[in-house]
Amino acid sequence: MAKTFTVEVVPLVLTWLRTSAGWEVEEVAKKLRTSVEVVKDLESGKRNPTMGQLNILSETYKRPIASFFLSKPKQERPMPKDYRFLPNKTNIFDRKTILAIRRTRSLQNLSKELSLNINYATETEIKKSRITDNPELIASEYREILNFDIEKQRKFRDAYKMMGHLRDVLEDLNILVFQFSMPIEDARGFALADETPNIIVINSKDSIEARLFTLMHEFGHIILGETVIDLPEESLQARSNIEAWCNSFSSAFLLPKEVSIDLFNKSKHNLTETDTLNTLSKRYKASKAVLLVKMVNLNYISRQEFESVLARYTPKETKVEKKEKQVMGMASDQRCLSEVGNKFVSLVANNFDREFITYNDALSFLSIKSRNFDKVLARARK
């Protein structure tokens, strides 16, 4: 009976909660098992919702029940600038992408608060660049700044190890790196440079080589001071100067021009053969698309050959599904560190140790259960 009593809410708040979560009126009606007219009446104030309906909407919109009792819509930072260039989808995002952005904003605010508690700086320790700067030169500078030479790159056992290393060195610069699941066709990553600490988010559903490219692409946006969401694709021509700059920066960072020329000269007669591409990709942890783009840009292969060879490596849907199952099967402590990284875990742990937050706070911030707490702290390296 308790769920059937009605409660007063501000109609504008109801509408804001729905639209900010990416839901249409028709979809909400199905969730509430009612008519579109009833939902419209709720959002216009002609009728009050029941407590049971608010509980359903709270779960649907992924918002706390307290949000429905606000006196007015909450002022939130605007969505990142849309650089995806998807037809008829400008500023229209999948609900999972919206949730990832909202979660990241929440963690950004939390990270700042936790940092201030223990007198940690939140400003990003990087030299900013401009779109007029040469991205290849900037990439070379950052390889030197991050002590990332070609020998170190070759010594990583695989792309996952290199990803972990680059994530750590970026976090040392006060750039948090998160990995959240979003539809790959909707977004491969986004960068938040309008508040400290700056944050990079990459799509955990993507291949590891694609994530490496996205990581450095989004780092390019941080360097430019850009807050954007996009679909970095090394094999496609960017539709904006900024996206082109970040693509060039990422590509040059992962495989510098002088290294590419040396490698391609040594394998000039069998560059696009499967064995050659596999060897180079494995050795330098660069995707085959990055290698092929380098080859065509440096005039080692024609555009026609580039497109023909690239088609062999187009991701298959079954591979994406398999990857999702692997992520779903990941242990809770592994998933926590994969999603929010060592630095955020360290912030939570230090605040807990100094009694700025409670044990339950720590579990909530890390989205883990008590049995995983010690495991997460043990696995965090910072």
Protein backbone atom coordinates (compact mmCIF):
# COMPACT_ATOMS: atom_id res chain seq x y z
CA MET A 1 0.00 0.00 0.00
CA ALA A 2 2.87 2.38 0.79
CA LYS A 3 3.85 2.52 -2.87
CA THR A 4 0.41 3.65 -4.01
CA PHE A 5 0.26 7.01 -2.22
CA THR A 6 1.00 10.05 -4.34
CA VAL A 7 3.69 12.64 -3.68
CA GLU A 8 4.15 16.20 -4.82
CA VAL A 9 7.08 16.91 -7.11
CA VAL A 10 8.06 19.84 -9.30
CA PRO A 11 6.96 18.95 -12.87
CA LEU A 12 9.99 20.66 -14.41
CA VAL A 13 12.26 18.44 -12.32
CA LEU A 14 10.52 15.32 -13.65
CA THR A 15 11.04 16.46 -17.23
CA TRP A 16 14.69 17.35 -16.59
CA LEU A 17 15.43 13.98 -15.00
CA ARG A 18 13.97 12.18 -18.01
CA THR A 19 15.62 14.23 -20.74
CA SER A 20 19.01 14.37 -19.02
CA ALA A 21 18.98 10.56 -18.86
CA GLY A 22 18.14 10.26 -22.57
CA TRP A 23 14.64 8.78 -22.26
CA GLU A 24 11.62 9.50 -24.47
CA VAL A 25 8.09 9.86 -23.09
CA GLU A 26 6.96 6.72 -24.93
CA GLU A 27 9.77 4.67 -23.39
CA VAL A 28 8.97 5.92 -19.90
CA ALA A 29 5.30 5.02 -20.38
CA LYS A 30 6.30 1.42 -21.10
CA LYS A 31 8.52 1.33 -18.02
CA LEU A 32 5.67 2.58 -15.84
CA ARG A 33 3.16 0.35 -17.65
CA THR A 34 0.93 3.30 -18.29
CA SER A 35 -0.04 5.56 -21.19
CA VAL A 36 1.89 8.37 -22.82
CA GLU A 37 -0.87 10.73 -21.70
CA VAL A 38 -0.30 9.82 -18.05
CA VAL A 39 3.44 10.54 -18.34
CA LYS A 40 2.68 13.88 -19.98
CA ASP A 41 0.24 14.66 -17.17
CA LEU A 42 2.93 13.86 -14.60
CA GLU A 43 5.41 16.17 -16.30
CA SER A 44 2.88 18.97 -16.72
CA GLY A 45 1.71 18.81 -13.10
CA LYS A 46 -1.83 17.68 -13.90
CA ARG A 47 -1.33 14.66 -11.66
CA ASN A 48 1.14 13.57 -9.00
CA PRO A 49 3.24 10.40 -9.27
CA THR A 50 2.98 7.56 -6.80
CA MET A 51 5.94 6.59 -4.67
CA GLY A 52 6.06 3.33 -6.58
CA GLN A 53 6.37 5.21 -9.88
CA LEU A 54 9.22 7.33 -8.49
CA ASN A 55 11.06 4.19 -7.40
CA ILE A 56 10.79 2.83 -10.95
CA LEU A 57 11.94 6.15 -12.45
CA SER A 58 14.82 6.35 -9.97
CA GLU A 59 16.07 2.96 -11.16
CA THR A 60 15.39 3.79 -14.82
CA TYR A 61 17.13 7.19 -14.82
CA LYS A 62 19.93 5.99 -12.49
CA ARG A 63 19.24 8.89 -10.13
CA PRO A 64 18.80 8.84 -6.33
CA ILE A 65 15.22 9.15 -5.15
CA ALA A 66 16.12 12.48 -3.50
CA SER A 67 16.63 13.98 -6.98
CA PHE A 68 12.89 13.82 -7.59
CA PHE A 69 12.23 16.14 -4.65
CA LEU A 70 14.48 18.98 -5.79
CA SER A 71 12.82 22.40 -5.97
CA LYS A 72 14.28 22.99 -9.43
CA PRO A 73 16.49 21.19 -11.96
CA LYS A 74 20.08 20.90 -10.79
CA GLN A 75 22.63 23.02 -12.62
CA GLU A 76 25.01 20.57 -14.27
CA ARG A 77 27.98 21.18 -16.50
CA PRO A 78 27.10 21.02 -20.21
CA MET A 79 27.80 17.89 -22.18
CA PRO A 80 31.22 17.70 -23.87
CA LYS A 81 31.38 19.28 -27.31
CA ASP A 82 30.21 16.73 -29.85
CA TYR A 83 32.99 15.91 -32.32
CA ARG A 84 31.51 12.59 -33.43
CA PHE A 85 29.99 14.02 -36.63
CA LEU A 86 27.26 11.38 -36.72
CA PRO A 87 24.40 12.14 -39.17
CA ASN A 88 21.29 13.44 -37.36
CA LYS A 89 22.83 12.69 -33.95
CA THR A 90 24.55 15.93 -32.95
CA ASN A 91 24.30 16.13 -29.14
CA ILE A 92 22.09 13.04 -29.11
CA PHE A 93 23.75 10.29 -27.12
CA ASP A 94 23.00 6.72 -26.16
CA ARG A 95 21.76 6.35 -22.58
CA LYS A 96 24.85 4.34 -21.62
CA THR A 97 27.06 7.13 -22.92
CA ILE A 98 25.08 9.73 -20.96
CA LEU A 99 25.43 7.61 -17.84
CA ALA A 100 29.21 7.32 -18.39
CA ILE A 101 29.50 11.11 -18.72
CA ARG A 102 27.38 11.70 -15.61
CA ARG A 103 29.39 9.18 -13.63
CA THR A 104 32.64 10.77 -14.75
CA ARG A 105 31.48 14.25 -13.74
CA SER A 106 30.51 12.88 -10.33
CA LEU A 107 33.91 11.21 -9.92
CA GLN A 108 35.63 14.39 -11.08
CA ASN A 109 33.94 16.41 -8.33
CA LEU A 110 34.64 13.67 -5.80
CA SER A 111 38.31 13.43 -6.84
CA LYS A 112 38.74 17.15 -6.31
CA GLU A 113 37.18 16.98 -2.86
CA LEU A 114 39.27 13.96 -1.85
CA SER A 115 42.44 15.65 -3.15
CA LEU A 116 41.79 18.85 -1.21
CA ASN A 117 41.21 16.82 1.97
CA ILE A 118 44.79 15.54 1.88
CA ASN A 119 46.40 18.61 0.29
CA TYR A 120 46.97 16.99 -3.11
CA ALA A 121 47.16 19.29 -6.13
CA THR A 122 44.43 18.90 -8.74
CA GLU A 123 45.93 21.02 -11.51
CA THR A 124 47.19 19.08 -14.52
CA GLU A 125 50.98 19.27 -14.83
CA ILE A 126 51.28 19.74 -18.57
CA LYS A 127 52.28 22.41 -21.04
CA LYS A 128 49.27 23.48 -23.09
CA SER A 129 49.42 23.67 -26.87
CA ARG A 130 47.47 25.38 -29.64
CA ILE A 131 45.93 24.07 -32.83
CA THR A 132 48.59 26.00 -34.77
CA ASP A 133 51.37 23.97 -33.13
CA ASN A 134 52.77 21.01 -35.06
CA PRO A 135 51.18 17.87 -33.51
CA GLU A 136 54.13 15.65 -34.48
CA LEU A 137 56.59 17.95 -32.73
CA ILE A 138 54.35 18.13 -29.65
CA ALA A 139 54.10 14.32 -29.65
CA SER A 140 57.89 14.07 -29.81
CA GLU A 141 58.19 16.48 -26.88
CA TYR A 142 55.79 14.41 -24.80
CA ARG A 143 57.55 11.15 -25.58
CA GLU A 144 60.63 12.81 -24.09
CA ILE A 145 58.76 14.34 -21.14
CA LEU A 146 57.19 10.97 -20.32
CA ASN A 147 60.50 9.16 -20.84
CA PHE A 148 58.85 6.96 -23.45
CA ASP A 149 61.54 5.94 -25.89
CA ILE A 150 61.24 3.31 -28.61
CA GLU A 151 63.23 0.70 -26.66
CA LYS A 152 60.90 0.98 -23.70
CA GLN A 153 57.95 0.69 -26.06
CA ARG A 154 59.31 -2.51 -27.59
CA LYS A 155 59.97 -4.11 -24.21
CA PHE A 156 56.35 -4.13 -23.09
CA ARG A 157 55.04 -7.69 -23.18
CA ASP A 158 51.83 -6.65 -24.91
CA ALA A 159 49.52 -3.71 -25.60
CA TYR A 160 47.80 -4.16 -22.22
CA LYS A 161 51.10 -3.60 -20.39
CA MET A 162 51.81 -0.51 -22.47
CA MET A 163 48.30 0.76 -21.81
CA GLY A 164 48.82 0.34 -18.07
CA HIS A 165 52.13 2.19 -18.22
CA LEU A 166 50.78 5.14 -20.21
CA ARG A 167 47.76 5.33 -17.94
CA ASP A 168 50.05 5.52 -14.92
CA VAL A 169 52.31 8.23 -16.37
CA LEU A 170 49.29 10.35 -17.35
CA GLU A 171 47.88 9.94 -13.85
CA ASP A 172 51.25 11.12 -12.52
CA LEU A 173 50.50 14.35 -14.43
CA ASN A 174 47.17 14.62 -12.55
CA ILE A 175 45.07 13.37 -15.47
CA LEU A 176 42.69 10.68 -14.28
CA VAL A 177 42.01 7.94 -16.81
CA PHE A 178 38.76 5.97 -16.60
CA GLN A 179 37.48 3.09 -18.72
CA PHE A 180 33.70 2.76 -18.97
CA SER A 181 31.45 0.75 -21.26
CA MET A 182 29.58 2.62 -23.99
CA PRO A 183 28.28 1.57 -27.41
CA ILE A 184 31.35 1.79 -29.66
CA GLU A 185 29.31 3.29 -32.48
CA ASP A 186 28.22 6.10 -30.12
CA ALA A 187 31.53 7.11 -28.53
CA ARG A 188 35.06 5.77 -28.22
CA GLY A 189 36.20 8.34 -25.70
CA PHE A 190 35.87 11.80 -24.22
CA ALA A 191 38.04 14.36 -22.46
CA LEU A 192 37.07 16.76 -19.67
CA ALA A 193 39.49 19.69 -19.50
CA ASP A 194 37.10 22.35 -18.15
CA GLU A 195 37.56 21.36 -14.50
CA THR A 196 40.29 19.84 -12.34
CA PRO A 197 41.38 17.18 -12.20
CA ASN A 198 41.28 16.74 -15.98
CA ILE A 199 39.87 13.38 -17.00
CA ILE A 200 40.16 11.06 -20.00
CA VAL A 201 37.55 8.35 -20.52
CA ILE A 202 38.01 5.54 -23.01
CA ASN A 203 35.53 2.90 -24.09
CA SER A 204 36.26 -0.39 -22.32
CA LYS A 205 34.43 -2.30 -25.07
CA ASP A 206 37.03 -1.31 -27.68
CA SER A 207 40.06 -3.37 -28.71
CA ILE A 208 43.18 -2.66 -26.67
CA GLU A 209 45.01 -1.15 -29.68
CA ALA A 210 42.05 1.13 -30.38
CA ARG A 211 42.00 2.15 -26.71
CA LEU A 212 45.67 3.09 -26.90
CA PHE A 213 44.96 5.31 -29.89
CA THR A 214 41.95 6.86 -28.14
CA LEU A 215 43.93 7.42 -24.94
CA MET A 216 46.55 9.51 -26.70
CA HIS A 217 43.95 11.18 -28.93
CA GLU A 218 42.06 12.35 -25.83
CA PHE A 219 45.35 13.39 -24.24
CA GLY A 220 45.73 15.62 -27.29
CA HIS A 221 42.41 17.25 -26.42
CA ILE A 222 43.59 17.79 -22.83
CA ILE A 223 46.76 19.44 -24.16
CA LEU A 224 44.57 21.74 -26.29
CA GLY A 225 42.27 22.42 -23.32
CA GLU A 226 39.27 20.87 -25.09
CA THR A 227 36.26 19.21 -23.44
CA VAL A 228 34.90 16.91 -26.15
CA ILE A 229 33.37 13.54 -26.94
CA ASP A 230 34.34 11.80 -30.15
CA LEU A 231 34.97 8.70 -32.22
CA PRO A 232 38.73 8.67 -32.84
CA GLU A 233 39.43 6.54 -35.90
CA GLU A 234 42.98 6.35 -37.13
CA SER A 235 41.95 5.06 -40.56
CA LEU A 236 39.45 7.83 -41.36
CA GLN A 237 40.00 11.44 -42.31
CA ALA A 238 38.93 13.73 -39.48
CA ARG A 239 36.13 16.18 -40.20
CA SER A 240 37.55 19.00 -38.10
CA ASN A 241 40.96 20.58 -37.68
CA ILE A 242 40.98 19.74 -33.99
CA GLU A 243 40.17 16.07 -34.55
CA ALA A 244 42.83 15.94 -37.28
CA TRP A 245 45.35 17.49 -34.87
CA CYS A 246 44.58 14.95 -32.15
CA ASN A 247 44.72 12.06 -34.62
CA SER A 248 48.14 13.22 -35.81
CA PHE A 249 49.33 13.68 -32.24
CA SER A 250 48.19 10.20 -31.19
CA SER A 251 49.64 8.53 -34.27
CA ALA A 252 52.97 10.35 -33.91
CA PHE A 253 53.18 9.53 -30.22
CA LEU A 254 52.47 5.82 -30.71
CA LEU A 255 54.75 5.48 -33.74
CA PRO A 256 57.03 8.44 -34.55
CA LYS A 257 57.67 9.28 -38.20
CA GLU A 258 61.40 8.53 -38.11
CA VAL A 259 60.74 5.11 -36.53
CA SER A 260 58.07 4.36 -39.14
CA ILE A 261 60.41 5.18 -42.03
CA ASP A 262 63.13 2.95 -40.62
CA LEU A 263 60.71 0.05 -40.10
CA PHE A 264 59.06 0.37 -43.50
CA ASN A 265 62.37 0.57 -45.34
CA LYS A 266 63.42 -2.72 -43.77
CA SER A 267 60.21 -4.45 -44.92
CA LYS A 268 59.59 -2.51 -48.12
CA HIS A 269 58.84 -5.56 -50.28
CA ASN A 270 56.27 -7.21 -48.00
CA LEU A 271 54.86 -4.31 -46.01
CA THR A 272 51.19 -5.25 -46.20
CA GLU A 273 51.57 -8.99 -45.81
CA THR A 274 49.77 -10.38 -42.78
CA ASP A 275 52.96 -11.65 -41.12
CA THR A 276 54.66 -8.27 -41.46
CA LEU A 277 51.70 -6.33 -40.07
CA ASN A 278 51.28 -8.80 -37.21
CA THR A 279 54.96 -8.56 -36.30
CA LEU A 280 55.06 -4.75 -36.37
CA SER A 281 51.78 -4.46 -34.50
CA LYS A 282 52.92 -6.84 -31.77
CA ARG A 283 56.37 -5.30 -31.47
CA TYR A 284 55.24 -1.68 -31.20
CA LYS A 285 51.71 -2.21 -29.80
CA ALA A 286 50.24 -0.14 -32.63
CA SER A 287 47.06 -1.17 -34.40
CA LYS A 288 47.26 -2.32 -37.98
CA ALA A 289 45.18 0.71 -38.91
CA VAL A 290 47.83 3.03 -37.43
CA LEU A 291 50.54 1.18 -39.36
CA LEU A 292 48.59 1.37 -42.62
CA VAL A 293 47.83 5.06 -42.20
CA LYS A 294 51.54 5.69 -41.67
CA MET A 295 52.32 3.70 -44.81
CA VAL A 296 49.92 5.62 -47.02
CA ASN A 297 50.83 9.03 -45.56
CA LEU A 298 54.53 8.33 -46.10
CA ASN A 299 53.82 7.09 -49.65
CA TYR A 300 54.84 3.49 -49.07
CA ILE A 301 51.48 2.22 -50.33
CA SER A 302 48.69 3.66 -52.49
CA ARG A 303 45.31 4.75 -51.16
CA GLN A 304 43.71 1.85 -53.06
CA GLU A 305 46.05 -0.70 -51.46
CA PHE A 306 45.48 0.93 -48.07
CA GLU A 307 41.70 0.50 -48.32
CA SER A 308 42.02 -3.05 -49.61
CA VAL A 309 44.33 -4.18 -46.81
CA LEU A 310 42.42 -2.28 -44.12
CA ALA A 311 39.24 -4.15 -45.06
CA ARG A 312 40.89 -7.37 -43.86
CA TYR A 313 41.04 -6.00 -40.35
CA THR A 314 37.58 -4.52 -39.96
CA PRO A 315 36.34 -5.55 -36.48
CA LYS A 316 33.66 -8.24 -36.48
CA GLU A 317 30.59 -8.02 -34.24
CA THR A 318 31.33 -11.43 -32.73
CA LYS A 319 34.64 -10.13 -31.41
CA VAL A 320 32.88 -7.27 -29.67
CA GLU A 321 30.39 -9.66 -28.09
CA LYS A 322 33.22 -11.91 -26.90
CA LYS A 323 35.01 -8.93 -25.38
CA GLU A 324 31.85 -7.91 -23.50
CA LYS A 325 31.59 -11.39 -21.98
CA GLN A 326 35.22 -11.21 -20.88
CA VAL A 327 34.62 -7.86 -19.16
CA MET A 328 31.46 -9.17 -17.51
CA GLY A 329 33.43 -12.13 -16.15
CA MET A 330 36.14 -9.91 -14.62
CA ALA A 331 36.56 -10.11 -10.84
CA SER A 332 35.15 -7.12 -8.91
CA ASP A 333 38.55 -5.92 -7.73
CA GLN A 334 39.94 -6.12 -11.28
CA ARG A 335 36.90 -4.31 -12.70
CA CYS A 336 37.24 -1.51 -10.14
CA LEU A 337 40.88 -0.85 -11.03
CA SER A 338 40.20 -1.22 -14.74
CA GLU A 339 37.41 1.36 -14.56
CA VAL A 340 38.74 4.06 -12.22
CA GLY A 341 42.49 3.38 -12.12
CA ASN A 342 45.16 3.35 -9.45
CA LYS A 343 45.18 7.07 -8.69
CA PHE A 344 41.50 7.31 -7.80
CA VAL A 345 41.73 4.17 -5.64
CA SER A 346 44.75 5.74 -3.93
CA LEU A 347 42.79 8.94 -3.24
CA VAL A 348 39.98 6.96 -1.62
CA ALA A 349 42.41 4.84 0.41
CA ASN A 350 44.35 7.86 1.70
CA ASN A 351 41.16 9.65 2.70
CA PHE A 352 39.97 6.52 4.51
CA ASP A 353 43.31 6.08 6.31
CA ARG A 354 43.17 9.70 7.51
CA GLU A 355 39.52 9.32 8.55
CA PHE A 356 38.14 11.93 6.16
CA ILE A 357 35.68 9.31 4.90
CA THR A 358 34.07 6.25 6.44
CA TYR A 359 34.52 2.64 5.43
CA ASN A 360 31.06 2.69 3.83
CA ASP A 361 31.98 5.85 1.94
CA ALA A 362 35.06 4.12 0.54
CA LEU A 363 33.02 1.11 -0.60
CA SER A 364 30.44 3.40 -2.20
CA PHE A 365 33.03 5.55 -4.01
CA LEU A 366 34.73 2.45 -5.44
CA SER A 367 31.45 0.64 -6.18
CA ILE A 368 32.68 -2.53 -4.50
CA LYS A 369 31.63 -4.82 -1.65
CA SER A 370 33.49 -5.15 1.63
CA ARG A 371 35.05 -8.49 0.68
CA ASN A 372 36.85 -6.81 -2.25
CA PHE A 373 38.17 -3.76 -0.40
CA ASP A 374 41.53 -5.19 0.67
CA LYS A 375 42.03 -6.82 -2.75
CA VAL A 376 41.51 -3.51 -4.53
CA LEU A 377 43.97 -1.70 -2.27
CA ALA A 378 46.53 -4.48 -2.68
CA ARG A 379 46.29 -4.34 -6.48
CA ALA A 380 46.58 -0.54 -6.65
CA ARG A 381 50.21 0.37 -7.26
CA LYS A 382 50.20 4.03 -6.27
